[in-house]
Amino acid sequence: MKKVVTDQQKTTVKKVLDYIRRYWFYLGLSIVLAAVTVALTLYIPILTGRAVDLIITKGQVDFAGILVILERMAVVILLTAAAQWIMNACNNKITYNVIRDIRKEAFERIEHLPLKYIDSHSYGEVVSRVIADVDQFADCLLYTSPSPRDGLLSRMPSSA
């Protein structure tokens, strides 16, 4: 079943990308760190396989070789954790700044609404709606930003 994308959806996506584009440095850094995280995560099973290969039979174990691999694994795990932490900090910075920009723009527009609109709607209703919609959008940006990108990046090496 083919999905139909309307002009309104395209316009909305363009607006969102315009807001995010202001923070291109953090977006680029987040994408690079996602690639680093995926690469390092995929390297751990390789190291585990190499460690298993050093266990030949009972009594024939290269403990010195396994120790070197375990040290390398510890470094890889620490680098992965650091990359993920920085990536999440970048995603949070993007999300909170975009939301701040949207709220600021929305309240500036509310201040310039015609009196006819304000008379027909309570000010609290308008402000409440803006706050609720922006909060929902913030949750969407914050909770979905890493997953599609990480999923795509982790499938690329396995499909090659």
C-alpha atoms as a PDB file:
ATOM      1  CA  MET A   1       0.000   0.000   0.000  1.00  0.00           C
ATOM      2  CA  LYS A   2       1.530   3.283  -1.132  1.00  0.00           C
ATOM      3  CA  LYS A   3       1.578   6.164   1.321  1.00  0.00           C
ATOM      4  CA  VAL A   4       0.385   9.495  -0.042  1.00  0.00           C
ATOM      5  CA  VAL A   5       2.241  12.571   1.169  1.00  0.00           C
ATOM      6  CA  THR A   6       0.154  15.729   1.045  1.00  0.00           C
ATOM      7  CA  ASP A   7       1.404  19.251   0.388  1.00  0.00           C
ATOM      8  CA  GLN A   8       0.569  20.181   3.980  1.00  0.00           C
ATOM      9  CA  GLN A   9       2.789  17.353   5.270  1.00  0.00           C
ATOM     10  CA  LYS A  10       5.633  18.493   3.018  1.00  0.00           C
ATOM     11  CA  THR A  11       5.222  22.057   4.288  1.00  0.00           C
ATOM     12  CA  THR A  12       5.248  20.874   7.897  1.00  0.00           C
ATOM     13  CA  VAL A  13       8.386  18.791   7.388  1.00  0.00           C
ATOM     14  CA  LYS A  14      10.068  21.753   5.676  1.00  0.00           C
ATOM     15  CA  LYS A  15       9.221  24.013   8.636  1.00  0.00           C
ATOM     16  CA  VAL A  16      10.587  21.472  11.113  1.00  0.00           C
ATOM     17  CA  LEU A  17      13.779  21.102   9.077  1.00  0.00           C
ATOM     18  CA  ASP A  18      14.114  24.891   8.941  1.00  0.00           C
ATOM     19  CA  TYR A  19      14.028  25.011  12.746  1.00  0.00           C
ATOM     20  CA  ILE A  20      16.505  22.142  13.043  1.00  0.00           C
ATOM     21  CA  ARG A  21      18.793  23.590  10.361  1.00  0.00           C
ATOM     22  CA  ARG A  22      19.689  26.422  12.742  1.00  0.00           C
ATOM     23  CA  TYR A  23      21.517  23.847  14.831  1.00  0.00           C
ATOM     24  CA  TRP A  24      23.292  22.047  11.977  1.00  0.00           C
ATOM     25  CA  PHE A  25      26.547  21.666  13.915  1.00  0.00           C
ATOM     26  CA  TYR A  26      24.863  19.659  16.685  1.00  0.00           C
ATOM     27  CA  LEU A  27      22.900  17.641  14.123  1.00  0.00           C
ATOM     28  CA  GLY A  28      26.055  16.766  12.189  1.00  0.00           C
ATOM     29  CA  LEU A  29      27.920  15.907  15.373  1.00  0.00           C
ATOM     30  CA  SER A  30      25.018  13.719  16.491  1.00  0.00           C
ATOM     31  CA  ILE A  31      25.018  11.810  13.190  1.00  0.00           C
ATOM     32  CA  VAL A  32      28.793  11.295  13.313  1.00  0.00           C
ATOM     33  CA  LEU A  33      28.582  10.103  16.916  1.00  0.00           C
ATOM     34  CA  ALA A  34      25.741   7.741  15.998  1.00  0.00           C
ATOM     35  CA  ALA A  35      27.961   6.206  13.316  1.00  0.00           C
ATOM     36  CA  VAL A  36      30.829   5.905  15.812  1.00  0.00           C
ATOM     37  CA  THR A  37      28.504   4.285  18.369  1.00  0.00           C
ATOM     38  CA  VAL A  38      27.207   1.773  15.835  1.00  0.00           C
ATOM     39  CA  ALA A  39      30.703   0.923  14.591  1.00  0.00           C
ATOM     40  CA  LEU A  40      32.050   0.430  18.097  1.00  0.00           C
ATOM     41  CA  THR A  41      29.007  -1.605  19.117  1.00  0.00           C
ATOM     42  CA  LEU A  42      29.509  -3.887  16.111  1.00  0.00           C
ATOM     43  CA  TYR A  43      33.216  -4.270  17.000  1.00  0.00           C
ATOM     44  CA  ILE A  44      32.522  -5.867  20.405  1.00  0.00           C
ATOM     45  CA  PRO A  45      31.282  -9.217  18.955  1.00  0.00           C
ATOM     46  CA  ILE A  46      34.387  -9.332  16.740  1.00  0.00           C
ATOM     47  CA  LEU A  47      36.591  -8.931  19.791  1.00  0.00           C
ATOM     48  CA  THR A  48      34.575 -11.562  21.633  1.00  0.00           C
ATOM     49  CA  GLY A  49      35.116 -13.989  18.747  1.00  0.00           C
ATOM     50  CA  ARG A  50      38.860 -13.338  18.825  1.00  0.00           C
ATOM     51  CA  ALA A  51      38.908 -14.016  22.570  1.00  0.00           C
ATOM     52  CA  VAL A  52      37.010 -17.278  22.085  1.00  0.00           C
ATOM     53  CA  ASP A  53      39.525 -18.303  19.411  1.00  0.00           C
ATOM     54  CA  LEU A  54      42.271 -18.087  22.046  1.00  0.00           C
ATOM     55  CA  ILE A  55      40.561 -20.825  24.065  1.00  0.00           C
ATOM     56  CA  ILE A  56      41.669 -23.982  22.290  1.00  0.00           C
ATOM     57  CA  THR A  57      40.892 -26.778  24.753  1.00  0.00           C
ATOM     58  CA  LYS A  58      40.933 -27.370  28.475  1.00  0.00           C
ATOM     59  CA  GLY A  59      44.321 -26.241  29.735  1.00  0.00           C
ATOM     60  CA  GLN A  60      45.253 -24.557  26.434  1.00  0.00           C
ATOM     61  CA  VAL A  61      44.136 -20.979  26.985  1.00  0.00           C
ATOM     62  CA  ASP A  62      46.130 -17.896  26.007  1.00  0.00           C
ATOM     63  CA  PHE A  63      45.294 -15.781  29.048  1.00  0.00           C
ATOM     64  CA  ALA A  64      47.723 -13.014  28.046  1.00  0.00           C
ATOM     65  CA  GLY A  65      46.012 -12.692  24.653  1.00  0.00           C
ATOM     66  CA  ILE A  66      42.567 -12.701  26.247  1.00  0.00           C
ATOM     67  CA  LEU A  67      43.668  -9.986  28.687  1.00  0.00           C
ATOM     68  CA  VAL A  68      44.790  -7.774  25.792  1.00  0.00           C
ATOM     69  CA  ILE A  69      41.420  -8.288  24.090  1.00  0.00           C
ATOM     70  CA  LEU A  70      39.531  -7.565  27.334  1.00  0.00           C
ATOM     71  CA  GLU A  71      41.490  -4.323  27.746  1.00  0.00           C
ATOM     72  CA  ARG A  72      40.612  -3.360  24.170  1.00  0.00           C
ATOM     73  CA  MET A  73      36.961  -4.211  24.870  1.00  0.00           C
ATOM     74  CA  ALA A  74      36.989  -1.976  27.954  1.00  0.00           C
ATOM     75  CA  VAL A  75      38.330   0.929  25.877  1.00  0.00           C
ATOM     76  CA  VAL A  76      35.742   0.317  23.151  1.00  0.00           C
ATOM     77  CA  ILE A  77      32.931   0.177  25.718  1.00  0.00           C
ATOM     78  CA  LEU A  78      34.088   3.433  27.341  1.00  0.00           C
ATOM     79  CA  LEU A  79      34.335   5.140  23.934  1.00  0.00           C
ATOM     80  CA  THR A  80      30.859   3.881  23.023  1.00  0.00           C
ATOM     81  CA  ALA A  81      29.406   5.196  26.286  1.00  0.00           C
ATOM     82  CA  ALA A  82      31.097   8.578  25.804  1.00  0.00           C
ATOM     83  CA  ALA A  83      29.900   8.832  22.183  1.00  0.00           C
ATOM     84  CA  GLN A  84      26.334   7.964  23.207  1.00  0.00           C
ATOM     85  CA  TRP A  85      26.381  10.464  26.061  1.00  0.00           C
ATOM     86  CA  ILE A  86      27.635  13.288  23.828  1.00  0.00           C
ATOM     87  CA  MET A  87      25.170  12.291  21.085  1.00  0.00           C
ATOM     88  CA  ASN A  88      22.272  12.462  23.569  1.00  0.00           C
ATOM     89  CA  ALA A  89      23.511  15.845  24.810  1.00  0.00           C
ATOM     90  CA  CYS A  90      23.523  17.102  21.194  1.00  0.00           C
ATOM     91  CA  ASN A  91      20.017  15.733  20.609  1.00  0.00           C
ATOM     92  CA  ASN A  92      18.785  17.408  23.805  1.00  0.00           C
ATOM     93  CA  LYS A  93      20.392  20.709  22.794  1.00  0.00           C
ATOM     94  CA  ILE A  94      18.720  20.553  19.373  1.00  0.00           C
ATOM     95  CA  THR A  95      15.346  19.605  20.829  1.00  0.00           C
ATOM     96  CA  TYR A  96      15.249  22.184  23.603  1.00  0.00           C
ATOM     97  CA  ASN A  97      16.494  24.998  21.353  1.00  0.00           C
ATOM     98  CA  VAL A  98      13.999  24.141  18.598  1.00  0.00           C
ATOM     99  CA  ILE A  99      11.179  24.037  21.152  1.00  0.00           C
ATOM    100  CA  ARG A 100      12.312  27.360  22.630  1.00  0.00           C
ATOM    101  CA  ASP A 101      12.301  28.900  19.137  1.00  0.00           C
ATOM    102  CA  ILE A 102       8.838  27.523  18.348  1.00  0.00           C
ATOM    103  CA  ARG A 103       7.384  28.753  21.658  1.00  0.00           C
ATOM    104  CA  LYS A 104       8.921  32.190  21.193  1.00  0.00           C
ATOM    105  CA  GLU A 105       7.520  32.456  17.673  1.00  0.00           C
ATOM    106  CA  ALA A 106       4.105  31.174  18.779  1.00  0.00           C
ATOM    107  CA  PHE A 107       3.806  33.702  21.615  1.00  0.00           C
ATOM    108  CA  GLU A 108       4.906  36.509  19.305  1.00  0.00           C
ATOM    109  CA  ARG A 109       2.099  35.498  16.940  1.00  0.00           C
ATOM    110  CA  ILE A 110      -0.396  35.309  19.790  1.00  0.00           C
ATOM    111  CA  GLU A 111       0.513  38.882  20.744  1.00  0.00           C
ATOM    112  CA  HIS A 112      -0.436  40.025  17.228  1.00  0.00           C
ATOM    113  CA  LEU A 113      -3.715  38.117  16.902  1.00  0.00           C
ATOM    114  CA  PRO A 114      -6.721  40.205  15.882  1.00  0.00           C
ATOM    115  CA  LEU A 115      -9.090  41.219  18.688  1.00  0.00           C
ATOM    116  CA  LYS A 116     -11.909  39.304  17.005  1.00  0.00           C
ATOM    117  CA  TYR A 117     -10.015  36.029  17.483  1.00  0.00           C
ATOM    118  CA  ILE A 118      -9.057  36.817  21.078  1.00  0.00           C
ATOM    119  CA  ASP A 119     -12.673  37.738  21.902  1.00  0.00           C
ATOM    120  CA  SER A 120     -13.967  34.449  20.512  1.00  0.00           C
ATOM    121  CA  HIS A 121     -11.361  32.319  22.355  1.00  0.00           C
ATOM    122  CA  SER A 122     -10.115  32.611  25.890  1.00  0.00           C
ATOM    123  CA  TYR A 123      -6.446  33.585  26.094  1.00  0.00           C
ATOM    124  CA  GLY A 124      -5.786  30.671  28.455  1.00  0.00           C
ATOM    125  CA  GLU A 125      -7.228  28.247  25.911  1.00  0.00           C
ATOM    126  CA  VAL A 126      -4.930  29.542  23.169  1.00  0.00           C
ATOM    127  CA  VAL A 127      -1.829  29.508  25.381  1.00  0.00           C
ATOM    128  CA  SER A 128      -2.706  26.081  26.783  1.00  0.00           C
ATOM    129  CA  ARG A 129      -3.109  24.667  23.283  1.00  0.00           C
ATOM    130  CA  VAL A 130       0.248  26.081  22.174  1.00  0.00           C
ATOM    131  CA  ILE A 131       1.990  24.689  25.258  1.00  0.00           C
ATOM    132  CA  ALA A 132       0.413  21.236  24.887  1.00  0.00           C
ATOM    133  CA  ASP A 133       1.166  21.022  21.159  1.00  0.00           C
ATOM    134  CA  VAL A 134       4.756  22.162  21.580  1.00  0.00           C
ATOM    135  CA  ASP A 135       5.317  19.732  24.469  1.00  0.00           C
ATOM    136  CA  GLN A 136       3.984  16.885  22.346  1.00  0.00           C
ATOM    137  CA  PHE A 137       6.281  17.937  19.503  1.00  0.00           C
ATOM    138  CA  ALA A 138       9.232  18.098  21.941  1.00  0.00           C
ATOM    139  CA  ASP A 139       8.539  14.530  23.068  1.00  0.00           C
ATOM    140  CA  CYS A 140       8.440  13.437  19.445  1.00  0.00           C
ATOM    141  CA  LEU A 141      11.784  15.090  18.667  1.00  0.00           C
ATOM    142  CA  LEU A 142      13.465  13.949  21.853  1.00  0.00           C
ATOM    143  CA  TYR A 143      12.373  10.320  21.910  1.00  0.00           C
ATOM    144  CA  THR A 144      12.538   9.462  18.221  1.00  0.00           C
ATOM    145  CA  SER A 145      15.651  11.293  17.052  1.00  0.00           C
ATOM    146  CA  PRO A 146      18.280   8.601  17.693  1.00  0.00           C
ATOM    147  CA  SER A 147      16.341   5.439  16.885  1.00  0.00           C
ATOM    148  CA  PRO A 148      15.711   5.694  13.113  1.00  0.00           C
ATOM    149  CA  ARG A 149      19.245   6.948  12.467  1.00  0.00           C
ATOM    150  CA  ASP A 150      20.862   4.245  14.636  1.00  0.00           C
ATOM    151  CA  GLY A 151      18.713   1.557  13.062  1.00  0.00           C
ATOM    152  CA  LEU A 152      19.713   2.645   9.576  1.00  0.00           C
ATOM    153  CA  LEU A 153      23.398   2.927  10.456  1.00  0.00           C
ATOM    154  CA  SER A 154      23.525  -0.483  12.141  1.00  0.00           C
ATOM    155  CA  ARG A 155      21.957  -2.203   9.120  1.00  0.00           C
ATOM    156  CA  MET A 156      24.333  -0.637   6.583  1.00  0.00           C
ATOM    157  CA  PRO A 157      27.418  -2.749   7.463  1.00  0.00           C
ATOM    158  CA  SER A 158      25.413  -5.976   7.607  1.00  0.00           C
ATOM    159  CA  SER A 159      23.802  -5.390   4.208  1.00  0.00           C
ATOM    160  CA  ALA A 160      27.115  -4.653   2.461  1.00  0.00           C
END
